[in-house]
N, C-alpha and C. Protein backbone atom coordinates (compact mmCIF):
# COMPACT_ATOMS: atom_id res chain seq x y z
N UNK A 1 -20.58 -20.72 2.19
CA UNK A 1 -19.23 -20.54 2.67
C UNK A 1 -18.30 -20.38 1.47
N UNK A 2 -17.38 -19.43 1.54
CA UNK A 2 -16.48 -19.16 0.43
C UNK A 2 -15.39 -20.22 0.34
N UNK A 3 -15.02 -20.52 -0.89
CA UNK A 3 -13.93 -21.47 -1.11
C UNK A 3 -12.59 -20.80 -0.88
N UNK A 4 -11.64 -21.47 -0.29
CA UNK A 4 -10.31 -20.88 -0.12
C UNK A 4 -9.61 -20.75 -1.47
N UNK A 5 -8.82 -19.70 -1.62
CA UNK A 5 -8.09 -19.47 -2.86
C UNK A 5 -6.70 -20.06 -2.73
N UNK A 6 -6.31 -20.84 -3.71
CA UNK A 6 -4.95 -21.40 -3.71
C UNK A 6 -3.98 -20.33 -4.17
N UNK A 7 -2.94 -20.10 -3.39
CA UNK A 7 -1.99 -19.05 -3.72
C UNK A 7 -1.21 -19.35 -4.99
N UNK A 8 -1.03 -20.62 -5.33
CA UNK A 8 -0.30 -20.94 -6.55
C UNK A 8 -1.13 -20.66 -7.80
N UNK A 9 -2.42 -20.37 -7.64
CA UNK A 9 -3.28 -20.07 -8.78
C UNK A 9 -3.19 -18.60 -9.16
N UNK A 10 -2.63 -17.76 -8.30
CA UNK A 10 -2.51 -16.34 -8.60
C UNK A 10 -1.37 -16.10 -9.58
N UNK A 11 -1.53 -15.15 -10.51
CA UNK A 11 -0.45 -14.88 -11.47
C UNK A 11 0.77 -14.28 -10.78
N UNK A 12 1.93 -14.63 -11.26
CA UNK A 12 3.17 -14.10 -10.71
C UNK A 12 3.62 -12.93 -11.57
N UNK A 13 3.81 -11.78 -10.95
CA UNK A 13 4.25 -10.59 -11.66
C UNK A 13 5.71 -10.35 -11.30
N UNK A 14 6.60 -10.34 -12.30
CA UNK A 14 8.01 -10.10 -11.97
C UNK A 14 8.22 -8.66 -11.50
N UNK A 15 8.92 -8.51 -10.40
CA UNK A 15 9.18 -7.19 -9.83
C UNK A 15 10.67 -7.10 -9.54
N UNK A 16 11.26 -5.98 -9.95
CA UNK A 16 12.67 -5.77 -9.65
C UNK A 16 12.80 -5.37 -8.19
N UNK A 17 13.72 -5.98 -7.49
CA UNK A 17 13.95 -5.67 -6.08
C UNK A 17 15.05 -4.61 -6.00
N UNK A 18 14.62 -3.35 -5.98
CA UNK A 18 15.56 -2.24 -5.91
C UNK A 18 15.33 -1.47 -4.62
N UNK A 19 16.25 -0.59 -4.32
CA UNK A 19 16.08 0.26 -3.14
C UNK A 19 14.84 1.12 -3.29
N UNK A 20 14.59 1.59 -4.51
CA UNK A 20 13.42 2.44 -4.75
C UNK A 20 12.11 1.67 -4.52
N UNK A 21 12.03 0.44 -5.00
CA UNK A 21 10.80 -0.34 -4.83
C UNK A 21 10.58 -0.65 -3.35
N UNK A 22 11.63 -0.95 -2.61
CA UNK A 22 11.49 -1.20 -1.17
C UNK A 22 11.06 0.07 -0.44
N UNK A 23 11.59 1.24 -0.87
CA UNK A 23 11.20 2.51 -0.25
C UNK A 23 9.73 2.82 -0.50
N UNK A 24 9.25 2.49 -1.69
CA UNK A 24 7.83 2.72 -2.02
C UNK A 24 6.95 1.84 -1.15
N UNK A 25 7.32 0.58 -0.97
CA UNK A 25 6.55 -0.34 -0.13
C UNK A 25 6.51 0.16 1.31
N UNK A 26 7.66 0.61 1.83
CA UNK A 26 7.70 1.14 3.19
C UNK A 26 6.86 2.40 3.33
N UNK A 27 6.91 3.28 2.33
CA UNK A 27 6.11 4.50 2.38
C UNK A 27 4.62 4.19 2.38
N UNK A 28 4.21 3.24 1.56
CA UNK A 28 2.79 2.87 1.52
C UNK A 28 2.35 2.21 2.82
N UNK A 29 3.21 1.39 3.41
CA UNK A 29 2.88 0.76 4.69
C UNK A 29 2.75 1.82 5.78
N UNK A 30 3.66 2.78 5.81
CA UNK A 30 3.59 3.86 6.79
C UNK A 30 2.34 4.70 6.59
N UNK A 31 1.99 4.97 5.33
CA UNK A 31 0.78 5.72 5.03
C UNK A 31 -0.45 5.00 5.55
N UNK A 32 -0.50 3.69 5.37
CA UNK A 32 -1.63 2.89 5.85
C UNK A 32 -1.74 2.97 7.37
N UNK A 33 -0.61 2.84 8.05
CA UNK A 33 -0.63 2.91 9.52
C UNK A 33 -1.08 4.29 10.01
N UNK A 34 -0.57 5.33 9.38
CA UNK A 34 -0.96 6.69 9.78
C UNK A 34 -2.45 6.94 9.55
N UNK A 35 -2.96 6.47 8.41
CA UNK A 35 -4.38 6.67 8.11
C UNK A 35 -5.25 5.92 9.10
N UNK A 36 -4.84 4.71 9.48
CA UNK A 36 -5.63 3.93 10.45
C UNK A 36 -5.63 4.59 11.82
N UNK A 37 -4.57 5.34 12.15
CA UNK A 37 -4.52 5.98 13.46
C UNK A 37 -5.19 7.35 13.46
N UNK A 38 -5.74 7.75 12.31
CA UNK A 38 -6.51 8.99 12.26
C UNK A 38 -5.78 10.17 11.66
N UNK A 39 -4.56 9.97 11.19
CA UNK A 39 -3.82 11.07 10.57
C UNK A 39 -4.35 11.35 9.18
N UNK A 40 -4.25 12.61 8.77
CA UNK A 40 -4.63 12.98 7.41
C UNK A 40 -3.42 12.81 6.52
N UNK A 41 -3.65 12.23 5.34
CA UNK A 41 -2.54 11.95 4.43
C UNK A 41 -2.84 12.51 3.05
N UNK A 42 -1.81 12.75 2.28
CA UNK A 42 -1.96 13.23 0.92
C UNK A 42 -0.61 13.32 0.26
N UNK A 43 -0.60 13.41 -1.06
CA UNK A 43 0.64 13.58 -1.80
C UNK A 43 0.95 15.06 -1.88
N UNK A 44 2.15 15.43 -1.54
CA UNK A 44 2.52 16.84 -1.55
C UNK A 44 2.40 17.41 -2.95
N UNK A 45 1.64 18.50 -3.08
CA UNK A 45 1.46 19.15 -4.35
C UNK A 45 0.50 18.47 -5.28
N UNK A 46 -0.07 17.34 -4.91
CA UNK A 46 -0.96 16.59 -5.80
C UNK A 46 -2.43 16.72 -5.42
N UNK A 47 -2.72 16.74 -4.12
CA UNK A 47 -4.12 16.78 -3.71
C UNK A 47 -4.21 17.33 -2.29
N UNK A 48 -5.43 17.59 -1.87
CA UNK A 48 -5.66 18.03 -0.50
C UNK A 48 -5.68 16.81 0.42
N UNK A 49 -5.19 16.93 1.63
CA UNK A 49 -5.22 15.79 2.56
C UNK A 49 -6.65 15.33 2.81
N UNK A 50 -6.82 14.04 2.96
CA UNK A 50 -8.14 13.46 3.25
C UNK A 50 -8.14 12.92 4.66
N UNK A 51 -9.30 12.96 5.28
CA UNK A 51 -9.44 12.39 6.61
C UNK A 51 -9.35 10.88 6.53
N UNK A 52 -8.90 10.28 7.60
CA UNK A 52 -8.80 8.82 7.64
C UNK A 52 -10.19 8.21 7.65
N UNK A 53 -10.26 6.94 7.22
CA UNK A 53 -11.55 6.24 7.17
C UNK A 53 -11.99 5.81 8.53
C-alpha cells in the first residue's frame, strides 16, 4: 500500500497572480475538458491536431 504524501513536504514555487496566468490556467483546463470529451486539440500554427486519448 502506498504511503500518503504530505502536502507541506512539496516545494512551494512562487507564482505571480496576473490576468495572463489565470487565462493560461483556464485555457489549459478547457483544453483538458475538450480532450476528454473527444475533441481534437492543438496549438494554432504549431502542430497538427491530435485525437483525444
